[in-house]
PDB file of N, CA and C in Angstrom:
ATOM      1  N   UNK A   1     156.330 165.815  46.076  1.00  0.00           N
ATOM      2  CA  UNK A   1     155.450 166.449  47.033  1.00  0.00           C
ATOM      3  C   UNK A   1     154.142 166.922  46.373  1.00  0.00           C
ATOM      4  N   UNK A   2     154.244 167.536  45.188  1.00  0.00           N
ATOM      5  CA  UNK A   2     153.041 168.041  44.533  1.00  0.00           C
ATOM      6  C   UNK A   2     152.116 166.899  44.102  1.00  0.00           C
ATOM      7  N   UNK A   3     152.679 165.734  43.761  1.00  0.00           N
ATOM      8  CA  UNK A   3     151.840 164.580  43.413  1.00  0.00           C
ATOM      9  C   UNK A   3     151.024 164.145  44.621  1.00  0.00           C
ATOM     10  N   UNK A   4     151.656 164.172  45.780  1.00  0.00           N
ATOM     11  CA  UNK A   4     150.971 163.777  47.004  1.00  0.00           C
ATOM     12  C   UNK A   4     149.814 164.744  47.302  1.00  0.00           C
ATOM     13  N   UNK A   5     150.061 166.034  47.147  1.00  0.00           N
ATOM     14  CA  UNK A   5     149.030 167.042  47.390  1.00  0.00           C
ATOM     15  C   UNK A   5     147.887 166.869  46.399  1.00  0.00           C
ATOM     16  N   UNK A   6     148.220 166.668  45.129  1.00  0.00           N
ATOM     17  CA  UNK A   6     147.191 166.455  44.114  1.00  0.00           C
ATOM     18  C   UNK A   6     146.364 165.214  44.417  1.00  0.00           C
ATOM     19  N   UNK A   7     147.011 164.178  44.879  1.00  0.00           N
ATOM     20  CA  UNK A   7     146.323 162.940  45.223  1.00  0.00           C
ATOM     21  C   UNK A   7     145.368 163.163  46.394  1.00  0.00           C
ATOM     22  N   UNK A   8     145.821 163.888  47.396  1.00  0.00           N
ATOM     23  CA  UNK A   8     144.981 164.181  48.558  1.00  0.00           C
ATOM     24  C   UNK A   8     143.787 165.035  48.144  1.00  0.00           C
ATOM     25  N   UNK A   9     144.029 166.047  47.323  1.00  0.00           N
ATOM     26  CA  UNK A   9     142.944 166.925  46.868  1.00  0.00           C
ATOM     27  C   UNK A   9     141.934 166.150  46.023  1.00  0.00           C
ATOM     28  N   UNK A  10     142.415 165.281  45.158  1.00  0.00           N
ATOM     29  CA  UNK A  10     141.538 164.470  44.310  1.00  0.00           C
ATOM     30  C   UNK A  10     140.678 163.546  45.177  1.00  0.00           C
ATOM     31  N   UNK A  11     141.283 162.940  46.173  1.00  0.00           N
ATOM     32  CA  UNK A  11     140.546 162.067  47.092  1.00  0.00           C
ATOM     33  C   UNK A  11     139.483 162.861  47.839  1.00  0.00           C
ATOM     34  N   UNK A  12     139.868 164.028  48.327  1.00  0.00           N
ATOM     35  CA  UNK A  12     138.931 164.895  49.050  1.00  0.00           C
ATOM     36  C   UNK A  12     137.770 165.294  48.144  1.00  0.00           C
ATOM     37  N   UNK A  13     138.080 165.700  46.925  1.00  0.00           N
ATOM     38  CA  UNK A  13     137.038 166.129  45.993  1.00  0.00           C
ATOM     39  C   UNK A  13     136.077 164.985  45.697  1.00  0.00           C
ATOM     40  N   UNK A  14     136.608 163.807  45.408  1.00  0.00           N
ATOM     41  CA  UNK A  14     135.755 162.660  45.100  1.00  0.00           C
ATOM     42  C   UNK A  14     134.856 162.301  46.285  1.00  0.00           C
ATOM     43  N   UNK A  15     135.401 162.404  47.490  1.00  0.00           N
ATOM     44  CA  UNK A  15     134.643 162.073  48.694  1.00  0.00           C
ATOM     45  C   UNK A  15     133.467 163.041  48.902  1.00  0.00           C
ATOM     46  N   UNK A  16     133.692 164.325  48.621  1.00  0.00           N
ATOM     47  CA  UNK A  16     132.687 165.355  48.883  1.00  0.00           C
ATOM     48  C   UNK A  16     132.076 165.945  47.614  1.00  0.00           C
ATOM     49  N   UNK A  17     132.252 165.291  46.491  1.00  0.00           N
ATOM     50  CA  UNK A  17     131.809 165.808  45.191  1.00  0.00           C
ATOM     51  C   UNK A  17     130.316 166.170  45.185  1.00  0.00           C
ATOM     52  N   UNK A  18     129.474 165.273  45.620  1.00  0.00           N
ATOM     53  CA  UNK A  18     128.030 165.527  45.610  1.00  0.00           C
ATOM     54  C   UNK A  18     127.640 166.638  46.589  1.00  0.00           C
ATOM     55  N   UNK A  19     128.297 166.677  47.735  1.00  0.00           N
ATOM     56  CA  UNK A  19     128.020 167.734  48.714  1.00  0.00           C
ATOM     57  C   UNK A  19     128.416 169.091  48.143  1.00  0.00           C
ATOM     58  N   UNK A  20     129.565 169.166  47.503  1.00  0.00           N
ATOM     59  CA  UNK A  20     130.035 170.416  46.894  1.00  0.00           C
ATOM     60  C   UNK A  20     129.039 170.881  45.835  1.00  0.00           C
ATOM     61  N   UNK A  21     128.584 169.966  44.993  1.00  0.00           N
ATOM     62  CA  UNK A  21     127.616 170.319  43.948  1.00  0.00           C
ATOM     63  C   UNK A  21     126.290 170.781  44.546  1.00  0.00           C
ATOM     64  N   UNK A  22     125.835 170.082  45.583  1.00  0.00           N
ATOM     65  CA  UNK A  22     124.565 170.414  46.218  1.00  0.00           C
ATOM     66  C   UNK A  22     124.613 171.804  46.857  1.00  0.00           C
ATOM     67  N   UNK A  23     125.710 172.114  47.531  1.00  0.00           N
ATOM     68  CA  UNK A  23     125.864 173.421  48.174  1.00  0.00           C
ATOM     69  C   UNK A  23     125.965 174.525  47.123  1.00  0.00           C
ATOM     70  N   UNK A  24     126.708 174.272  46.055  1.00  0.00           N
ATOM     71  CA  UNK A  24     126.839 175.267  44.982  1.00  0.00           C
ATOM     72  C   UNK A  24     125.483 175.534  44.338  1.00  0.00           C
ATOM     73  N   UNK A  25     124.697 174.489  44.106  1.00  0.00           N
ATOM     74  CA  UNK A  25     123.368 174.635  43.518  1.00  0.00           C
ATOM     75  C   UNK A  25     122.441 175.408  44.471  1.00  0.00           C
ATOM     76  N   UNK A  26     122.494 175.084  45.759  1.00  0.00           N
ATOM     77  CA  UNK A  26     121.651 175.766  46.743  1.00  0.00           C
ATOM     78  C   UNK A  26     121.989 177.258  46.818  1.00  0.00           C
ATOM     79  N   UNK A  27     123.289 177.590  46.806  1.00  0.00           N
ATOM     80  CA  UNK A  27     123.705 178.991  46.861  1.00  0.00           C
ATOM     81  C   UNK A  27     123.287 179.742  45.601  1.00  0.00           C
ATOM     82  N   UNK A  28     123.375 179.086  44.441  1.00  0.00           N
ATOM     83  CA  UNK A  28     122.944 179.703  43.188  1.00  0.00           C
ATOM     84  C   UNK A  28     121.449 180.006  43.250  1.00  0.00           C
ATOM     85  N   UNK A  29     120.667 179.044  43.749  1.00  0.00           N
ATOM     86  CA  UNK A  29     119.220 179.238  43.848  1.00  0.00           C
ATOM     87  C   UNK A  29     118.877 180.372  44.817  1.00  0.00           C
ATOM     88  N   UNK A  30     119.643 180.507  45.892  1.00  0.00           N
ATOM     89  CA  UNK A  30     119.428 181.613  46.830  1.00  0.00           C
ATOM     90  C   UNK A  30     119.669 182.954  46.158  1.00  0.00           C
ATOM     91  N   UNK A  31     120.726 183.029  45.317  1.00  0.00           N
ATOM     92  CA  UNK A  31     121.037 184.290  44.642  1.00  0.00           C
ATOM     93  C   UNK A  31     119.948 184.665  43.648  1.00  0.00           C
ATOM     94  N   UNK A  32     119.411 183.678  42.939  1.00  0.00           N
ATOM     95  CA  UNK A  32     118.328 183.937  41.981  1.00  0.00           C
ATOM     96  C   UNK A  32     117.046 184.312  42.729  1.00  0.00           C
ATOM     97  N   UNK A  33     116.732 183.609  43.800  1.00  0.00           N
ATOM     98  CA  UNK A  33     115.516 183.866  44.574  1.00  0.00           C
ATOM     99  C   UNK A  33     115.540 185.247  45.214  1.00  0.00           C
ATOM    100  N   UNK A  34     116.725 185.729  45.578  1.00  0.00           N
ATOM    101  CA  UNK A  34     116.841 187.039  46.211  1.00  0.00           C
ATOM    102  C   UNK A  34     116.249 188.133  45.327  1.00  0.00           C
ATOM    103  N   UNK A  35     116.564 188.114  44.049  1.00  0.00           N
ATOM    104  CA  UNK A  35     116.045 189.129  43.127  1.00  0.00           C
ATOM    105  C   UNK A  35     114.539 188.973  42.938  1.00  0.00           C
ATOM    106  N   UNK A  36     114.080 187.738  42.812  1.00  0.00           N
ATOM    107  CA  UNK A  36     112.634 187.503  42.674  1.00  0.00           C
ATOM    108  C   UNK A  36     111.884 187.949  43.923  1.00  0.00           C
ATOM    109  N   UNK A  37     112.463 187.732  45.090  1.00  0.00           N
ATOM    110  CA  UNK A  37     111.835 188.188  46.335  1.00  0.00           C
ATOM    111  C   UNK A  37     111.755 189.709  46.378  1.00  0.00           C
ATOM    112  N   UNK A  38     112.767 190.371  45.849  1.00  0.00           N
ATOM    113  CA  UNK A  38     112.741 191.833  45.787  1.00  0.00           C
ATOM    114  C   UNK A  38     111.580 192.313  44.909  1.00  0.00           C
ATOM    115  N   UNK A  39     111.385 191.647  43.783  1.00  0.00           N
ATOM    116  CA  UNK A  39     110.335 192.049  42.842  1.00  0.00           C
ATOM    117  C   UNK A  39     108.942 191.624  43.298  1.00  0.00           C
ATOM    118  N   UNK A  40     108.863 190.744  44.263  1.00  0.00           N
ATOM    119  CA  UNK A  40     107.593 190.198  44.728  1.00  0.00           C
ATOM    120  C   UNK A  40     106.621 191.282  45.205  1.00  0.00           C
ATOM    121  N   UNK A  41     107.130 192.322  45.813  1.00  0.00           N
ATOM    122  CA  UNK A  41     106.267 193.385  46.346  1.00  0.00           C
ATOM    123  C   UNK A  41     106.209 194.604  45.432  1.00  0.00           C
ATOM    124  N   UNK A  42     106.645 194.456  44.200  1.00  0.00           N
ATOM    125  CA  UNK A  42     106.685 195.571  43.248  1.00  0.00           C
ATOM    126  C   UNK A  42     105.610 195.393  42.182  1.00  0.00           C
ATOM    127  N   UNK A  43     105.374 196.457  41.432  1.00  0.00           N
ATOM    128  CA  UNK A  43     104.474 196.387  40.281  1.00  0.00           C
ATOM    129  C   UNK A  43     104.974 197.358  39.214  1.00  0.00           C
ATOM    130  N   UNK A  44     104.524 197.155  37.995  1.00  0.00           N
ATOM    131  CA  UNK A  44     104.943 197.987  36.862  1.00  0.00           C
ATOM    132  C   UNK A  44     104.517 199.437  37.106  1.00  0.00           C
ATOM    133  N   UNK A  45     105.447 200.369  36.882  1.00  0.00           N
ATOM    134  CA  UNK A  45     105.148 201.788  37.108  1.00  0.00           C
ATOM    135  C   UNK A  45     104.179 202.343  36.069  1.00  0.00           C
ATOM    136  N   UNK A  46     104.021 201.655  34.928  1.00  0.00           N
ATOM    137  CA  UNK A  46     103.134 202.153  33.875  1.00  0.00           C
ATOM    138  C   UNK A  46     101.737 201.554  33.940  1.00  0.00           C
ATOM    139  N   UNK A  47     101.644 200.218  34.041  1.00  0.00           N
ATOM    140  CA  UNK A  47     100.324 199.572  33.952  1.00  0.00           C
ATOM    141  C   UNK A  47      99.878 198.911  35.251  1.00  0.00           C
ATOM    142  N   UNK A  48     100.787 198.773  36.225  1.00  0.00           N
ATOM    143  CA  UNK A  48     100.411 198.183  37.502  1.00  0.00           C
ATOM    144  C   UNK A  48     100.529 196.674  37.578  1.00  0.00           C
ATOM    145  N   UNK A  49     100.995 196.027  36.518  1.00  0.00           N
ATOM    146  CA  UNK A  49     101.185 194.564  36.535  1.00  0.00           C
ATOM    147  C   UNK A  49     102.062 194.177  37.720  1.00  0.00           C
ATOM    148  N   UNK A  50     101.636 193.143  38.482  1.00  0.00           N
ATOM    149  CA  UNK A  50     102.402 192.769  39.670  1.00  0.00           C
ATOM    150  C   UNK A  50     102.878 191.327  39.663  1.00  0.00           C
ATOM    151  N   UNK A  51     102.623 190.582  38.581  1.00  0.00           N
ATOM    152  CA  UNK A  51     103.089 189.206  38.486  1.00  0.00           C
ATOM    153  C   UNK A  51     104.613 189.210  38.393  1.00  0.00           C
ATOM    154  N   UNK A  52     105.271 188.621  39.391  1.00  0.00           N
ATOM    155  CA  UNK A  52     106.729 188.694  39.517  1.00  0.00           C
ATOM    156  C   UNK A  52     107.454 188.241  38.252  1.00  0.00           C
ATOM    157  N   UNK A  53     106.980 187.187  37.628  1.00  0.00           N
ATOM    158  CA  UNK A  53     107.662 186.629  36.456  1.00  0.00           C
ATOM    159  C   UNK A  53     107.683 187.618  35.284  1.00  0.00           C
ATOM    160  N   UNK A  54     106.744 188.562  35.273  1.00  0.00           N
ATOM    161  CA  UNK A  54     106.652 189.539  34.179  1.00  0.00           C
ATOM    162  C   UNK A  54     107.496 190.783  34.419  1.00  0.00           C
ATOM    163  N   UNK A  55     107.973 190.993  35.646  1.00  0.00           N
ATOM    164  CA  UNK A  55     108.625 192.250  35.990  1.00  0.00           C
ATOM    165  C   UNK A  55     110.107 192.271  35.667  1.00  0.00           C
ATOM    166  N   UNK A  56     110.553 193.445  35.229  1.00  0.00           N
ATOM    167  CA  UNK A  56     111.961 193.676  34.904  1.00  0.00           C
ATOM    168  C   UNK A  56     112.383 195.022  35.473  1.00  0.00           C
ATOM    169  N   UNK A  57     113.677 195.198  35.575  1.00  0.00           N
ATOM    170  CA  UNK A  57     114.227 196.458  36.089  1.00  0.00           C
ATOM    171  C   UNK A  57     114.793 197.247  34.907  1.00  0.00           C
ATOM    172  N   UNK A  58     114.073 198.275  34.488  1.00  0.00           N
ATOM    173  CA  UNK A  58     114.449 199.056  33.305  1.00  0.00           C
ATOM    174  C   UNK A  58     115.431 200.154  33.698  1.00  0.00           C
ATOM    175  N   UNK A  59     116.535 200.305  33.015  1.00  0.00           N
ATOM    176  CA  UNK A  59     117.000 199.671  31.795  1.00  0.00           C
ATOM    177  C   UNK A  59     118.105 198.626  32.009  1.00  0.00           C
ATOM    178  N   UNK A  60     118.415 198.261  33.250  1.00  0.00           N
ATOM    179  CA  UNK A  60     119.581 197.404  33.522  1.00  0.00           C
ATOM    180  C   UNK A  60     119.235 195.974  33.913  1.00  0.00           C
ATOM    181  N   UNK A  61     118.095 195.447  33.509  1.00  0.00           N
ATOM    182  CA  UNK A  61     117.635 194.139  33.967  1.00  0.00           C
ATOM    183  C   UNK A  61     118.634 193.022  33.670  1.00  0.00           C
ATOM    184  N   UNK A  62     119.151 192.961  32.466  1.00  0.00           N
ATOM    185  CA  UNK A  62     120.074 191.894  32.086  1.00  0.00           C
ATOM    186  C   UNK A  62     121.335 191.927  32.927  1.00  0.00           C
ATOM    187  N   UNK A  63     121.906 193.090  33.114  1.00  0.00           N
ATOM    188  CA  UNK A  63     123.131 193.226  33.907  1.00  0.00           C
ATOM    189  C   UNK A  63     122.868 192.888  35.377  1.00  0.00           C
ATOM    190  N   UNK A  64     121.748 193.321  35.911  1.00  0.00           N
ATOM    191  CA  UNK A  64     121.410 193.036  37.310  1.00  0.00           C
ATOM    192  C   UNK A  64     121.253 191.537  37.518  1.00  0.00           C
ATOM    193  N   UNK A  65     120.527 190.870  36.627  1.00  0.00           N
ATOM    194  CA  UNK A  65     120.315 189.424  36.767  1.00  0.00           C
ATOM    195  C   UNK A  65     121.627 188.660  36.622  1.00  0.00           C
ATOM    196  N   UNK A  66     122.471 189.097  35.717  1.00  0.00           N
ATOM    197  CA  UNK A  66     123.766 188.442  35.533  1.00  0.00           C
ATOM    198  C   UNK A  66     124.625 188.593  36.785  1.00  0.00           C
ATOM    199  N   UNK A  67     124.694 189.798  37.327  1.00  0.00           N
ATOM    200  CA  UNK A  67     125.509 190.029  38.525  1.00  0.00           C
ATOM    201  C   UNK A  67     124.922 189.357  39.753  1.00  0.00           C
ATOM    202  N   UNK A  68     123.595 189.357  39.875  1.00  0.00           N
ATOM    203  CA  UNK A  68     122.950 188.748  41.044  1.00  0.00           C
ATOM    204  C   UNK A  68     123.245 187.253  41.114  1.00  0.00           C
ATOM    205  N   UNK A  69     123.412 186.607  39.968  1.00  0.00           N
ATOM    206  CA  UNK A  69     123.738 185.181  39.943  1.00  0.00           C
ATOM    207  C   UNK A  69     125.194 184.922  40.303  1.00  0.00           C
ATOM    208  N   UNK A  70     126.064 185.897  40.055  1.00  0.00           N
ATOM    209  CA  UNK A  70     127.503 185.716  40.263  1.00  0.00           C
ATOM    210  C   UNK A  70     127.974 186.088  41.655  1.00  0.00           C
ATOM    211  N   UNK A  71     127.460 187.161  42.222  1.00  0.00           N
ATOM    212  CA  UNK A  71     127.998 187.682  43.479  1.00  0.00           C
ATOM    213  C   UNK A  71     127.451 186.903  44.668  1.00  0.00           C
ATOM    214  N   UNK A  72     128.061 187.098  45.819  1.00  0.00           N
ATOM    215  CA  UNK A  72     127.665 186.407  47.039  1.00  0.00           C
ATOM    216  C   UNK A  72     126.304 186.835  47.540  1.00  0.00           C
ATOM    217  N   UNK A  73     125.931 186.278  48.681  1.00  0.00           N
ATOM    218  CA  UNK A  73     124.599 186.538  49.216  1.00  0.00           C
ATOM    219  C   UNK A  73     124.574 187.621  50.285  1.00  0.00           C
ATOM    220  N   UNK A  74     125.728 188.181  50.638  1.00  0.00           N
ATOM    221  CA  UNK A  74     125.709 189.242  51.656  1.00  0.00           C
ATOM    222  C   UNK A  74     125.615 190.614  51.000  1.00  0.00           C
ATOM    223  N   UNK A  75     125.180 191.601  51.765  1.00  0.00           N
ATOM    224  CA  UNK A  75     124.957 192.947  51.231  1.00  0.00           C
ATOM    225  C   UNK A  75     126.232 193.597  50.715  1.00  0.00           C
ATOM    226  N   UNK A  76     127.357 193.299  51.352  1.00  0.00           N
ATOM    227  CA  UNK A  76     128.617 193.907  50.936  1.00  0.00           C
ATOM    228  C   UNK A  76     128.991 193.506  49.513  1.00  0.00           C
ATOM    229  N   UNK A  77     128.773 192.249  49.162  1.00  0.00           N
ATOM    230  CA  UNK A  77     129.128 191.796  47.820  1.00  0.00           C
ATOM    231  C   UNK A  77     128.094 192.212  46.776  1.00  0.00           C
ATOM    232  N   UNK A  78     126.948 192.701  47.218  1.00  0.00           N
ATOM    233  CA  UNK A  78     125.884 193.109  46.295  1.00  0.00           C
ATOM    234  C   UNK A  78     125.790 194.613  46.103  1.00  0.00           C
ATOM    235  N   UNK A  79     126.805 195.350  46.503  1.00  0.00           N
ATOM    236  CA  UNK A  79     126.753 196.813  46.403  1.00  0.00           C
ATOM    237  C   UNK A  79     126.485 197.280  44.978  1.00  0.00           C
ATOM    238  N   UNK A  80     127.173 196.694  44.015  1.00  0.00           N
ATOM    239  CA  UNK A  80     127.001 197.090  42.618  1.00  0.00           C
ATOM    240  C   UNK A  80     125.588 196.764  42.131  1.00  0.00           C
ATOM    241  N   UNK A  81     125.066 195.614  42.528  1.00  0.00           N
ATOM    242  CA  UNK A  81     123.708 195.233  42.139  1.00  0.00           C
ATOM    243  C   UNK A  81     122.703 196.221  42.734  1.00  0.00           C
ATOM    244  N   UNK A  82     122.886 196.581  44.004  1.00  0.00           N
ATOM    245  CA  UNK A  82     122.001 197.556  44.647  1.00  0.00           C
ATOM    246  C   UNK A  82     122.089 198.918  43.949  1.00  0.00           C
ATOM    247  N   UNK A  83     123.293 199.313  43.567  1.00  0.00           N
ATOM    248  CA  UNK A  83     123.462 200.598  42.880  1.00  0.00           C
ATOM    249  C   UNK A  83     122.681 200.603  41.559  1.00  0.00           C
ATOM    250  N   UNK A  84     122.800 199.501  40.804  1.00  0.00           N
ATOM    251  CA  UNK A  84     122.071 199.409  39.541  1.00  0.00           C
ATOM    252  C   UNK A  84     120.558 199.381  39.777  1.00  0.00           C
ATOM    253  N   UNK A  85     120.135 198.635  40.786  1.00  0.00           N
ATOM    254  CA  UNK A  85     118.703 198.526  41.073  1.00  0.00           C
ATOM    255  C   UNK A  85     118.112 199.874  41.471  1.00  0.00           C
ATOM    256  N   UNK A  86     118.867 200.666  42.210  1.00  0.00           N
ATOM    257  CA  UNK A  86     118.379 201.978  42.647  1.00  0.00           C
ATOM    258  C   UNK A  86     118.211 202.957  41.492  1.00  0.00           C
ATOM    259  N   UNK A  87     118.901 202.693  40.375  1.00  0.00           N
ATOM    260  CA  UNK A  87     118.786 203.583  39.226  1.00  0.00           C
ATOM    261  C   UNK A  87     117.731 203.100  38.230  1.00  0.00           C
ATOM    262  N   UNK A  88     116.993 202.058  38.582  1.00  0.00           N
ATOM    263  CA  UNK A  88     116.019 201.460  37.668  1.00  0.00           C
ATOM    264  C   UNK A  88     114.582 201.690  38.121  1.00  0.00           C
ATOM    265  N   UNK A  89     113.680 201.515  37.183  1.00  0.00           N
ATOM    266  CA  UNK A  89     112.247 201.507  37.452  1.00  0.00           C
ATOM    267  C   UNK A  89     111.732 200.107  37.134  1.00  0.00           C
ATOM    268  N   UNK A  90     110.758 199.646  37.904  1.00  0.00           N
ATOM    269  CA  UNK A  90     110.169 198.328  37.669  1.00  0.00           C
ATOM    270  C   UNK A  90     109.099 198.467  36.590  1.00  0.00           C
ATOM    271  N   UNK A  91     109.235 197.679  35.530  1.00  0.00           N
ATOM    272  CA  UNK A  91     108.254 197.655  34.445  1.00  0.00           C
ATOM    273  C   UNK A  91     107.971 196.193  34.079  1.00  0.00           C
ATOM    274  N   UNK A  92     106.817 195.950  33.487  1.00  0.00           N
ATOM    275  CA  UNK A  92     106.497 194.600  33.026  1.00  0.00           C
ATOM    276  C   UNK A  92     107.116 194.383  31.641  1.00  0.00           C
ATOM    277  N   UNK A  93     107.076 193.159  31.190  1.00  0.00           N
ATOM    278  CA  UNK A  93     107.677 192.830  29.889  1.00  0.00           C
ATOM    279  C   UNK A  93     107.037 193.606  28.743  1.00  0.00           C
ATOM    280  N   UNK A  94     105.725 193.758  28.796  1.00  0.00           N
ATOM    281  CA  UNK A  94     105.031 194.502  27.729  1.00  0.00           C
ATOM    282  C   UNK A  94     105.448 195.967  27.698  1.00  0.00           C
ATOM    283  N   UNK A  95     105.489 196.587  28.863  1.00  0.00           N
ATOM    284  CA  UNK A  95     105.882 198.005  28.919  1.00  0.00           C
ATOM    285  C   UNK A  95     107.356 198.175  28.550  1.00  0.00           C
ATOM    286  N   UNK A  96     108.186 197.185  28.858  1.00  0.00           N
ATOM    287  CA  UNK A  96     109.600 197.215  28.476  1.00  0.00           C
ATOM    288  C   UNK A  96     109.703 197.330  26.953  1.00  0.00           C
ATOM    289  N   UNK A  97     108.951 196.498  26.250  1.00  0.00           N
ATOM    290  CA  UNK A  97     108.967 196.516  24.781  1.00  0.00           C
ATOM    291  C   UNK A  97     108.480 197.867  24.265  1.00  0.00           C
ATOM    292  N   UNK A  98     107.428 198.378  24.877  1.00  0.00           N
ATOM    293  CA  UNK A  98     106.901 199.684  24.465  1.00  0.00           C
ATOM    294  C   UNK A  98     107.914 200.797  24.717  1.00  0.00           C
ATOM    295  N   UNK A  99     108.609 200.743  25.849  1.00  0.00           N
ATOM    296  CA  UNK A  99     109.654 201.742  26.144  1.00  0.00           C
ATOM    297  C   UNK A  99     110.787 201.673  25.129  1.00  0.00           C
ATOM    298  N   UNK A 100     111.213 200.450  24.810  1.00  0.00           N
ATOM    299  CA  UNK A 100     112.304 200.285  23.844  1.00  0.00           C
ATOM    300  C   UNK A 100     111.943 200.770  22.453  1.00  0.00           C
ATOM    301  N   UNK A 101     110.666 200.751  22.141  1.00  0.00           N
ATOM    302  CA  UNK A 101     110.221 201.181  20.813  1.00  0.00           C
ATOM    303  C   UNK A 101     109.576 202.564  20.833  1.00  0.00           C
ATOM    304  N   UNK A 102     109.797 203.305  21.919  1.00  0.00           N
ATOM    305  CA  UNK A 102     109.298 204.672  22.075  1.00  0.00           C
ATOM    306  C   UNK A 102     107.783 204.802  21.900  1.00  0.00           C
ATOM    307  N   UNK A 103     107.037 203.780  22.319  1.00  0.00           N
ATOM    308  CA  UNK A 103     105.589 203.849  22.258  1.00  0.00           C
ATOM    309  C   UNK A 103     104.999 204.469  23.512  1.00  0.00           C
ATOM    310  N   UNK A 104     105.758 204.433  24.601  1.00  0.00           N
ATOM    311  CA  UNK A 104     105.383 205.133  25.833  1.00  0.00           C
ATOM    312  C   UNK A 104     106.614 205.851  26.350  1.00  0.00           C
ATOM    313  N   UNK A 105     106.409 206.868  27.131  1.00  0.00           N
ATOM    314  CA  UNK A 105     107.526 207.639  27.686  1.00  0.00           C
ATOM    315  C   UNK A 105     107.814 207.172  29.117  1.00  0.00           C
ATOM    316  N   UNK A 106     109.051 207.276  29.476  1.00  0.00           N
ATOM    317  CA  UNK A 106     109.469 206.920  30.825  1.00  0.00           C
ATOM    318  C   UNK A 106     109.037 208.005  31.773  1.00  0.00           C
ATOM    319  N   UNK A 107     108.304 207.640  32.819  1.00  0.00           N
ATOM    320  CA  UNK A 107     107.774 208.626  33.760  1.00  0.00           C
ATOM    321  C   UNK A 107     108.829 209.115  34.709  1.00  0.00           C
TER     322      UNK A 107
END
């Protein structure tokens, strides 16, 4: 019986393999874009830089980006990401380095 089930599943997977990959890729891109869209209307609290690619969420940027890529796209699954984001300040890459090296103080 288990061989039959495995055979059916393998056939199903092979038939829809490209569709499964395409949907997984699209969902991943949506999760990444969600964070970039959030930063789109923000600017660095220290220098005012507003270029999205330069902005980070201090001090939890790495953890937020990692979780945002893993969790689903609905608000319920993003509760932890929202909690981390609410405890952060938006800074640019340059100000991040300065903060880490105590060259500027966190406002």
